[in-house]
C-alpha atoms as a PDB file:
ATOM      1  CA  MET A   1     -19.305  34.808  47.095  1.00  0.00           C
ATOM      2  CA  SER A   2     -17.051  33.452  49.823  1.00  0.00           C
ATOM      3  CA  THR A   3     -13.373  32.705  49.381  1.00  0.00           C
ATOM      4  CA  GLY A   4     -14.032  29.012  49.985  1.00  0.00           C
ATOM      5  CA  VAL A   5     -16.539  28.855  47.131  1.00  0.00           C
ATOM      6  CA  ILE A   6     -14.148  30.624  44.762  1.00  0.00           C
ATOM      7  CA  ILE A   7     -11.354  28.192  45.618  1.00  0.00           C
ATOM      8  CA  ALA A   8     -13.706  25.254  45.057  1.00  0.00           C
ATOM      9  CA  LEU A   9     -14.723  26.563  41.652  1.00  0.00           C
ATOM     10  CA  ILE A  10     -11.078  27.054  40.670  1.00  0.00           C
ATOM     11  CA  LEU A  11     -10.277  23.493  41.688  1.00  0.00           C
ATOM     12  CA  ILE A  12     -13.233  22.149  39.718  1.00  0.00           C
ATOM     13  CA  VAL A  13     -12.197  24.053  36.578  1.00  0.00           C
ATOM     14  CA  ALA A  14      -8.605  22.876  36.972  1.00  0.00           C
ATOM     15  CA  ALA A  15      -9.771  19.283  37.329  1.00  0.00           C
ATOM     16  CA  VAL A  16     -11.897  19.542  34.173  1.00  0.00           C
ATOM     17  CA  VAL A  17      -8.939  20.940  32.219  1.00  0.00           C
ATOM     18  CA  ILE A  18      -6.649  18.142  33.424  1.00  0.00           C
ATOM     19  CA  VAL A  19      -9.176  15.437  32.541  1.00  0.00           C
ATOM     20  CA  ALA A  20      -9.663  16.934  29.077  1.00  0.00           C
ATOM     21  CA  ALA A  21      -5.894  17.008  28.528  1.00  0.00           C
ATOM     22  CA  VAL A  22      -5.511  13.390  29.600  1.00  0.00           C
ATOM     23  CA  LEU A  23      -8.324  12.260  27.303  1.00  0.00           C
ATOM     24  CA  THR A  24      -6.766  14.170  24.403  1.00  0.00           C
ATOM     25  CA  LEU A  25      -3.378  12.550  24.968  1.00  0.00           C
ATOM     26  CA  ARG A  26      -4.967   9.108  25.206  1.00  0.00           C
ATOM     27  CA  SER A  27      -6.853   9.711  21.986  1.00  0.00           C
ATOM     28  CA  ARG A  28      -3.654  10.697  20.230  1.00  0.00           C
ATOM     29  CA  GLY A  29      -1.879   7.673  21.623  1.00  0.00           C
ATOM     30  CA  THR A  30      -4.636   5.359  20.400  1.00  0.00           C
ATOM     31  CA  HIS A  31      -4.775   6.680  16.842  1.00  0.00           C
ATOM     32  CA  GLY A  32      -1.252   8.002  16.308  1.00  0.00           C
ATOM     33  CA  GLY A  33       0.416   4.609  15.902  1.00  0.00           C
ATOM     34  CA  PRO A  34      -2.002   3.104  13.352  1.00  0.00           C
ATOM     35  CA  ASP A  35      -2.192   6.381  11.428  1.00  0.00           C
ATOM     36  CA  LEU A  36       1.586   6.684  11.270  1.00  0.00           C
ATOM     37  CA  ARG A  37       1.956   3.042  10.284  1.00  0.00           C
ATOM     38  CA  ARG A  38      -0.511   3.503   7.432  1.00  0.00           C
ATOM     39  CA  ARG A  39       1.117   6.719   6.294  1.00  0.00           C
ATOM     40  CA  PHE A  40       4.738   5.576   6.429  1.00  0.00           C
ATOM     41  CA  GLY A  41       4.445   1.876   5.656  1.00  0.00           C
ATOM     42  CA  PRO A  42       7.961   0.401   5.478  1.00  0.00           C
ATOM     43  CA  GLU A  43       9.424   3.651   6.835  1.00  0.00           C
ATOM     44  CA  TYR A  44       7.534   3.005  10.069  1.00  0.00           C
ATOM     45  CA  ASP A  45       9.250  -0.362  10.480  1.00  0.00           C
ATOM     46  CA  ARG A  46      12.659   1.161   9.693  1.00  0.00           C
ATOM     47  CA  ALA A  47      12.125   3.849  12.308  1.00  0.00           C
ATOM     48  CA  VAL A  48      11.157   1.243  14.926  1.00  0.00           C
ATOM     49  CA  SER A  49      14.223  -0.837  14.057  1.00  0.00           C
ATOM     50  CA  ARG A  50      16.474   2.224  14.250  1.00  0.00           C
ATOM     51  CA  HIS A  51      15.116   2.902  17.753  1.00  0.00           C
ATOM     52  CA  ASP A  52      15.792  -0.707  18.808  1.00  0.00           C
ATOM     53  CA  GLY A  53      12.117  -1.632  18.873  1.00  0.00           C
ATOM     54  CA  ASP A  54      10.979   1.423  20.838  1.00  0.00           C
ATOM     55  CA  THR A  55       7.736   2.203  19.007  1.00  0.00           C
ATOM     56  CA  LYS A  56       7.018   5.323  21.060  1.00  0.00           C
ATOM     57  CA  ALA A  57      10.376   6.855  20.139  1.00  0.00           C
ATOM     58  CA  ALA A  58       9.895   5.891  16.497  1.00  0.00           C
ATOM     59  CA  GLU A  59       6.411   7.402  16.427  1.00  0.00           C
ATOM     60  CA  ARG A  60       7.680  10.628  17.995  1.00  0.00           C
ATOM     61  CA  GLU A  61      10.304  10.868  15.245  1.00  0.00           C
ATOM     62  CA  LEU A  62       7.776  10.212  12.478  1.00  0.00           C
ATOM     63  CA  ALA A  63       5.261  12.636  13.993  1.00  0.00           C
ATOM     64  CA  GLU A  64       7.978  15.307  14.034  1.00  0.00           C
ATOM     65  CA  ARG A  65       8.646  14.661  10.332  1.00  0.00           C
ATOM     66  CA  VAL A  66       4.969  15.185   9.573  1.00  0.00           C
ATOM     67  CA  GLU A  67       4.944  18.349  11.675  1.00  0.00           C
ATOM     68  CA  ARG A  68       7.938  19.781   9.784  1.00  0.00           C
ATOM     69  CA  HIS A  69       7.117  18.658   6.259  1.00  0.00           C
ATOM     70  CA  GLY A  70       3.472  17.599   6.091  1.00  0.00           C
ATOM     71  CA  SER A  71       2.282  20.944   4.730  1.00  0.00           C
ATOM     72  CA  LEU A  72       5.061  21.199   2.126  1.00  0.00           C
ATOM     73  CA  ARG A  73       3.681  22.224  -1.269  1.00  0.00           C
ATOM     74  CA  THR A  74       5.627  20.969  -4.250  1.00  0.00           C
ATOM     75  CA  ARG A  75       5.892  22.831  -7.521  1.00  0.00           C
ATOM     76  CA  PRO A  76       5.402  21.204 -10.941  1.00  0.00           C
ATOM     77  CA  LEU A  77       8.306  20.863 -13.330  1.00  0.00           C
ATOM     78  CA  GLU A  78       8.395  22.850 -16.504  1.00  0.00           C
ATOM     79  CA  PRO A  79       8.300  20.594 -19.598  1.00  0.00           C
ATOM     80  CA  ALA A  80      11.907  21.435 -20.474  1.00  0.00           C
ATOM     81  CA  GLU A  81      13.022  20.623 -16.913  1.00  0.00           C
ATOM     82  CA  ARG A  82      11.242  17.294 -17.012  1.00  0.00           C
ATOM     83  CA  GLU A  83      12.852  16.386 -20.316  1.00  0.00           C
ATOM     84  CA  ARG A  84      16.306  17.217 -18.972  1.00  0.00           C
ATOM     85  CA  PHE A  85      15.814  15.061 -15.899  1.00  0.00           C
ATOM     86  CA  GLU A  86      14.437  12.184 -17.967  1.00  0.00           C
ATOM     87  CA  ALA A  87      17.361  12.409 -20.394  1.00  0.00           C
ATOM     88  CA  ARG A  88      19.839  12.325 -17.515  1.00  0.00           C
ATOM     89  CA  TRP A  89      18.126   9.317 -15.955  1.00  0.00           C
ATOM     90  CA  THR A  90      18.184   7.480 -19.266  1.00  0.00           C
ATOM     91  CA  ALA A  91      21.893   8.233 -19.613  1.00  0.00           C
ATOM     92  CA  ALA A  92      22.543   6.964 -16.084  1.00  0.00           C
ATOM     93  CA  GLN A  93      20.706   3.710 -16.809  1.00  0.00           C
ATOM     94  CA  GLU A  94      22.648   3.203 -20.023  1.00  0.00           C
ATOM     95  CA  ARG A  95      25.903   3.923 -18.185  1.00  0.00           C
ATOM     96  CA  PHE A  96      25.090   1.171 -15.691  1.00  0.00           C
ATOM     97  CA  VAL A  97      26.126  -1.486 -18.228  1.00  0.00           C
ATOM     98  CA  ASP A  98      29.741  -0.334 -18.288  1.00  0.00           C
ATOM     99  CA  SER A  99      30.084   1.429 -14.927  1.00  0.00           C
ATOM    100  CA  PRO A 100      27.455   0.440 -12.348  1.00  0.00           C
ATOM    101  CA  GLN A 101      28.916   2.472  -9.479  1.00  0.00           C
ATOM    102  CA  ASP A 102      29.166   5.646 -11.580  1.00  0.00           C
ATOM    103  CA  ALA A 103      25.558   5.157 -12.660  1.00  0.00           C
ATOM    104  CA  VAL A 104      24.385   4.772  -9.062  1.00  0.00           C
ATOM    105  CA  ALA A 105      26.332   7.868  -8.009  1.00  0.00           C
ATOM    106  CA  GLU A 106      24.670   9.826 -10.810  1.00  0.00           C
ATOM    107  CA  ALA A 107      21.264   8.531  -9.714  1.00  0.00           C
ATOM    108  CA  ASP A 108      21.990   9.832  -6.217  1.00  0.00           C
ATOM    109  CA  ARG A 109      22.892  13.308  -7.551  1.00  0.00           C
ATOM    110  CA  LEU A 110      19.941  13.328  -9.886  1.00  0.00           C
ATOM    111  CA  LEU A 111      17.399  12.493  -7.190  1.00  0.00           C
ATOM    112  CA  ALA A 112      18.815  15.204  -4.926  1.00  0.00           C
ATOM    113  CA  GLU A 113      18.532  17.793  -7.690  1.00  0.00           C
ATOM    114  CA  LEU A 114      15.088  16.633  -8.792  1.00  0.00           C
ATOM    115  CA  ALA A 115      13.703  16.730  -5.257  1.00  0.00           C
ATOM    116  CA  GLY A 116      15.125  20.227  -4.826  1.00  0.00           C
ATOM    117  CA  ALA A 117      13.548  21.326  -8.089  1.00  0.00           C
ATOM    118  CA  ARG A 118      10.170  20.031  -6.892  1.00  0.00           C
ATOM    119  CA  GLY A 119      10.400  22.159  -3.737  1.00  0.00           C
ATOM    120  CA  TYR A 120      11.818  19.742  -1.176  1.00  0.00           C
ATOM    121  CA  PRO A 121      14.768  20.825   1.012  1.00  0.00           C
ATOM    122  CA  ASP A 122      17.990  21.296  -0.914  1.00  0.00           C
ATOM    123  CA  GLY A 123      20.076  18.199  -1.619  1.00  0.00           C
ATOM    124  CA  GLY A 124      22.891  19.668   0.476  1.00  0.00           C
ATOM    125  CA  GLN A 125      20.687  18.909   3.491  1.00  0.00           C
ATOM    126  CA  TYR A 126      20.411  15.202   2.706  1.00  0.00           C
ATOM    127  CA  GLU A 127      18.872  14.050   5.991  1.00  0.00           C
ATOM    128  CA  GLU A 128      16.276  16.826   5.965  1.00  0.00           C
ATOM    129  CA  GLN A 129      15.502  16.176   2.308  1.00  0.00           C
ATOM    130  CA  LEU A 130      15.132  12.451   2.990  1.00  0.00           C
ATOM    131  CA  ASP A 131      12.791  13.131   5.922  1.00  0.00           C
ATOM    132  CA  ALA A 132      10.617  15.404   3.779  1.00  0.00           C
ATOM    133  CA  LEU A 133      10.485  12.856   0.972  1.00  0.00           C
ATOM    134  CA  SER A 134       9.561  10.112   3.441  1.00  0.00           C
ATOM    135  CA  VAL A 135       6.485  12.081   4.508  1.00  0.00           C
ATOM    136  CA  HIS A 136       5.165  12.325   0.933  1.00  0.00           C
ATOM    137  CA  HIS A 137       6.753   9.290  -0.771  1.00  0.00           C
ATOM    138  CA  ALA A 138       7.240   6.851   2.088  1.00  0.00           C
ATOM    139  CA  ARG A 139       7.030   3.739  -0.088  1.00  0.00           C
ATOM    140  CA  GLN A 140       9.586   4.934  -2.638  1.00  0.00           C
ATOM    141  CA  VAL A 141      12.138   6.855  -0.576  1.00  0.00           C
ATOM    142  CA  ASN A 142      14.297   3.871   0.400  1.00  0.00           C
ATOM    143  CA  GLY A 143      15.697   3.672  -3.123  1.00  0.00           C
ATOM    144  CA  TYR A 144      17.196   7.129  -2.643  1.00  0.00           C
ATOM    145  CA  ARG A 145      18.629   6.028   0.703  1.00  0.00           C
ATOM    146  CA  ARG A 146      20.273   3.018  -0.923  1.00  0.00           C
ATOM    147  CA  VAL A 147      21.932   4.830  -3.823  1.00  0.00           C
ATOM    148  CA  HIS A 148      23.064   7.621  -1.495  1.00  0.00           C
ATOM    149  CA  ARG A 149      24.638   5.142   0.906  1.00  0.00           C
ATOM    150  CA  VAL A 150      26.585   3.501  -1.915  1.00  0.00           C
ATOM    151  CA  ALA A 151      27.640   6.854  -3.401  1.00  0.00           C
ATOM    152  CA  GLN A 152      28.805   8.239  -0.057  1.00  0.00           C
ATOM    153  CA  ALA A 153      30.647   5.055   0.893  1.00  0.00           C
ATOM    154  CA  ARG A 154      32.482   5.142  -2.393  1.00  0.00           C
ATOM    155  CA  THR A 155      33.437   8.803  -1.906  1.00  0.00           C
ATOM    156  CA  THR A 156      34.803   8.198   1.583  1.00  0.00           C
ATOM    157  CA  GLY A 157      36.515   4.942   0.653  1.00  0.00           C
ATOM    158  CA  SER A 158      34.365   2.907   3.010  1.00  0.00           C
ATOM    159  CA  PRO A 159      34.194  -0.874   2.413  1.00  0.00           C
ATOM    160  CA  ASP A 160      30.418  -0.420   2.092  1.00  0.00           C
ATOM    161  CA  GLY A 161      31.090   1.335  -1.200  1.00  0.00           C
ATOM    162  CA  VAL A 162      32.323  -1.913  -2.763  1.00  0.00           C
ATOM    163  CA  ALA A 163      28.904  -3.319  -3.631  1.00  0.00           C
ATOM    164  CA  GLY A 164      28.199  -6.176  -5.996  1.00  0.00           C
ATOM    165  CA  THR A 165      26.630  -5.567  -9.384  1.00  0.00           C
ATOM    166  CA  GLU A 166      23.345  -7.175  -8.391  1.00  0.00           C
ATOM    167  CA  GLU A 167      23.101  -5.021  -5.251  1.00  0.00           C
ATOM    168  CA  LEU A 168      23.781  -1.915  -7.329  1.00  0.00           C
ATOM    169  CA  ARG A 169      21.192  -2.948  -9.891  1.00  0.00           C
ATOM    170  CA  GLU A 170      18.555  -3.443  -7.185  1.00  0.00           C
ATOM    171  CA  ALA A 171      19.375  -0.044  -5.668  1.00  0.00           C
ATOM    172  CA  MET A 172      19.061   1.590  -9.076  1.00  0.00           C
ATOM    173  CA  VAL A 173      15.729  -0.095  -9.791  1.00  0.00           C
ATOM    174  CA  GLU A 174      14.347   0.889  -6.394  1.00  0.00           C
ATOM    175  CA  ALA A 175      15.571   4.470  -6.825  1.00  0.00           C
ATOM    176  CA  ARG A 176      13.830   4.645 -10.181  1.00  0.00           C
ATOM    177  CA  SER A 177      10.431   4.342  -8.489  1.00  0.00           C
ATOM    178  CA  LEU A 178      11.085   7.561  -6.561  1.00  0.00           C
ATOM    179  CA  PHE A 179      12.375   9.249  -9.716  1.00  0.00           C
ATOM    180  CA  GLU A 180       9.148   8.370 -11.518  1.00  0.00           C
ATOM    181  CA  GLU A 181       7.086   9.698  -8.606  1.00  0.00           C
ATOM    182  CA  LEU A 182       8.947  13.015  -8.616  1.00  0.00           C
ATOM    183  CA  VAL A 183       9.119  13.546 -12.364  1.00  0.00           C
ATOM    184  CA  ARG A 184       5.557  12.609 -13.269  1.00  0.00           C
ATOM    185  CA  THR A 185       2.926  15.221 -14.065  1.00  0.00           C
ATOM    186  CA  ASP A 186       0.523  14.599 -11.149  1.00  0.00           C
ATOM    187  CA  ARG A 187      -2.324  17.134 -11.411  1.00  0.00           C
ATOM    188  CA  HIS A 188      -0.487  19.479 -13.755  1.00  0.00           C
ATOM    189  CA  ASP A 189       1.477  18.985 -16.937  1.00  0.00           C
ATOM    190  CA  GLY A 190       4.226  21.382 -15.869  1.00  0.00           C
ATOM    191  CA  THR A 191       2.597  24.446 -17.411  1.00  0.00           C
ATOM    192  CA  GLY A 192      -0.026  24.900 -14.707  1.00  0.00           C
ATOM    193  CA  ARG A 193      -2.892  23.360 -16.676  1.00  0.00           C
ATOM    194  CA  PRO A 194      -4.902  20.995 -14.444  1.00  0.00           C
ATOM    195  CA  GLY A 195      -6.270  17.694 -15.626  1.00  0.00           C
ATOM    196  CA  SER A 196      -3.691  16.837 -18.282  1.00  0.00           C
ATOM    197  CA  GLY A 197      -2.595  13.767 -16.291  1.00  0.00           C
ATOM    198  CA  ARG A 198      -6.112  12.368 -16.551  1.00  0.00           C
ATOM    199  CA  ARG A 199      -6.211  13.098 -20.281  1.00  0.00           C
ATOM    200  CA  ASP A 200      -2.864  11.332 -20.730  1.00  0.00           C
ATOM    201  CA  ALA A 201      -4.147   8.324 -18.784  1.00  0.00           C
ATOM    202  CA  ALA A 202      -7.284   8.161 -20.938  1.00  0.00           C
ATOM    203  CA  ALA A 203      -5.166   8.257 -24.071  1.00  0.00           C
ATOM    204  CA  HIS A 204      -3.274   5.191 -22.827  1.00  0.00           C
ATOM    205  CA  GLY A 205      -6.237   3.003 -22.015  1.00  0.00           C
ATOM    206  CA  GLY A 206      -6.719   4.267 -18.466  1.00  0.00           C
ATOM    207  CA  ARG A 207      -3.036   4.035 -17.559  1.00  0.00           C
ATOM    208  CA  ARG A 208      -0.762   6.984 -16.955  1.00  0.00           C
ATOM    209  CA  ALA A 209       1.711   7.454 -19.773  1.00  0.00           C
ATOM    210  CA  PRO A 210       5.174   6.368 -18.620  1.00  0.00           C
ATOM    211  CA  ALA A 211       7.865   9.017 -18.357  1.00  0.00           C
ATOM    212  CA  ARG A 212      10.123   8.828 -21.368  1.00  0.00           C
ATOM    213  CA  GLY A 213      13.457   7.184 -20.846  1.00  0.00           C
ATOM    214  CA  ASN A 214      12.562   5.498 -17.553  1.00  0.00           C
ATOM    215  CA  HIS A 215      12.525   1.926 -18.784  1.00  0.00           C
ATOM    216  CA  LEU A 216      15.561  -0.175 -19.455  1.00  0.00           C
ATOM    217  CA  PRO A 217      15.731  -3.933 -20.124  1.00  0.00           C
ATOM    218  CA  TRP A 218      17.366  -4.675 -16.771  1.00  0.00           C
ATOM    219  CA  ALA A 219      17.455  -8.411 -17.284  1.00  0.00           C
ATOM    220  CA  VAL A 220      19.689  -7.871 -20.319  1.00  0.00           C
ATOM    221  CA  ASN A 221      21.811  -5.246 -18.619  1.00  0.00           C
ATOM    222  CA  ARG A 222      22.300  -7.389 -15.540  1.00  0.00           C
ATOM    223  CA  ARG A 223      23.817 -10.111 -17.703  1.00  0.00           C
ATOM    224  CA  GLN A 224      25.990  -7.601 -19.595  1.00  0.00           C
ATOM    225  CA  ALA A 225      27.167  -5.926 -16.393  1.00  0.00           C
ATOM    226  CA  LYS A 226      28.208  -9.231 -14.894  1.00  0.00           C
ATOM    227  CA  GLU A 227      30.124 -10.110 -18.028  1.00  0.00           C
ATOM    228  CA  SER A 228      31.918  -6.729 -18.130  1.00  0.00           C
END
């Protein structure tokens, strides 16, 4: 085989590889955006806004989150752990009536500890923990962001820490949705037995049994907090 033929074959193979790479990148570009938007929901819009409308930059950030945390496997809570977290959340909600900012700060600490207990990055790495939570709980994670922002602003003495009672109440309510996601049984009841969540749902007319202590008459407490 002549040298010219060998060079021609090499060029043909190289061209095929380049075309395949281009087609792969185009395919990813076509499906990446819609897939990320479906997966992240409101987090997708926040990422775009944070990047000043640059969707490509936002999608790169979200894709990196999925790459880092998409395969994370959470661990179930033991029954005693779950009860302790639920009791603390109930206490925080009850405290809201007399001290809304203290209650929100406790909610921030509680979510950090609960996420860590479920196997997410430690609460000391807030940004990393938030990113991991956004991959698996994209529609609930903003509540954690809100209570953390208030708690941190209060600690540092920032004017942002002086939030109105209604704003604090809304942050607490939104954060509760993430708490319920993290504390619920999912496929296990905390002892490693599969299927108990379905049995609980059947026992409550097809609905999952609510976590104890997660419900507070907020309409009443809002009025009491404003009067205090």
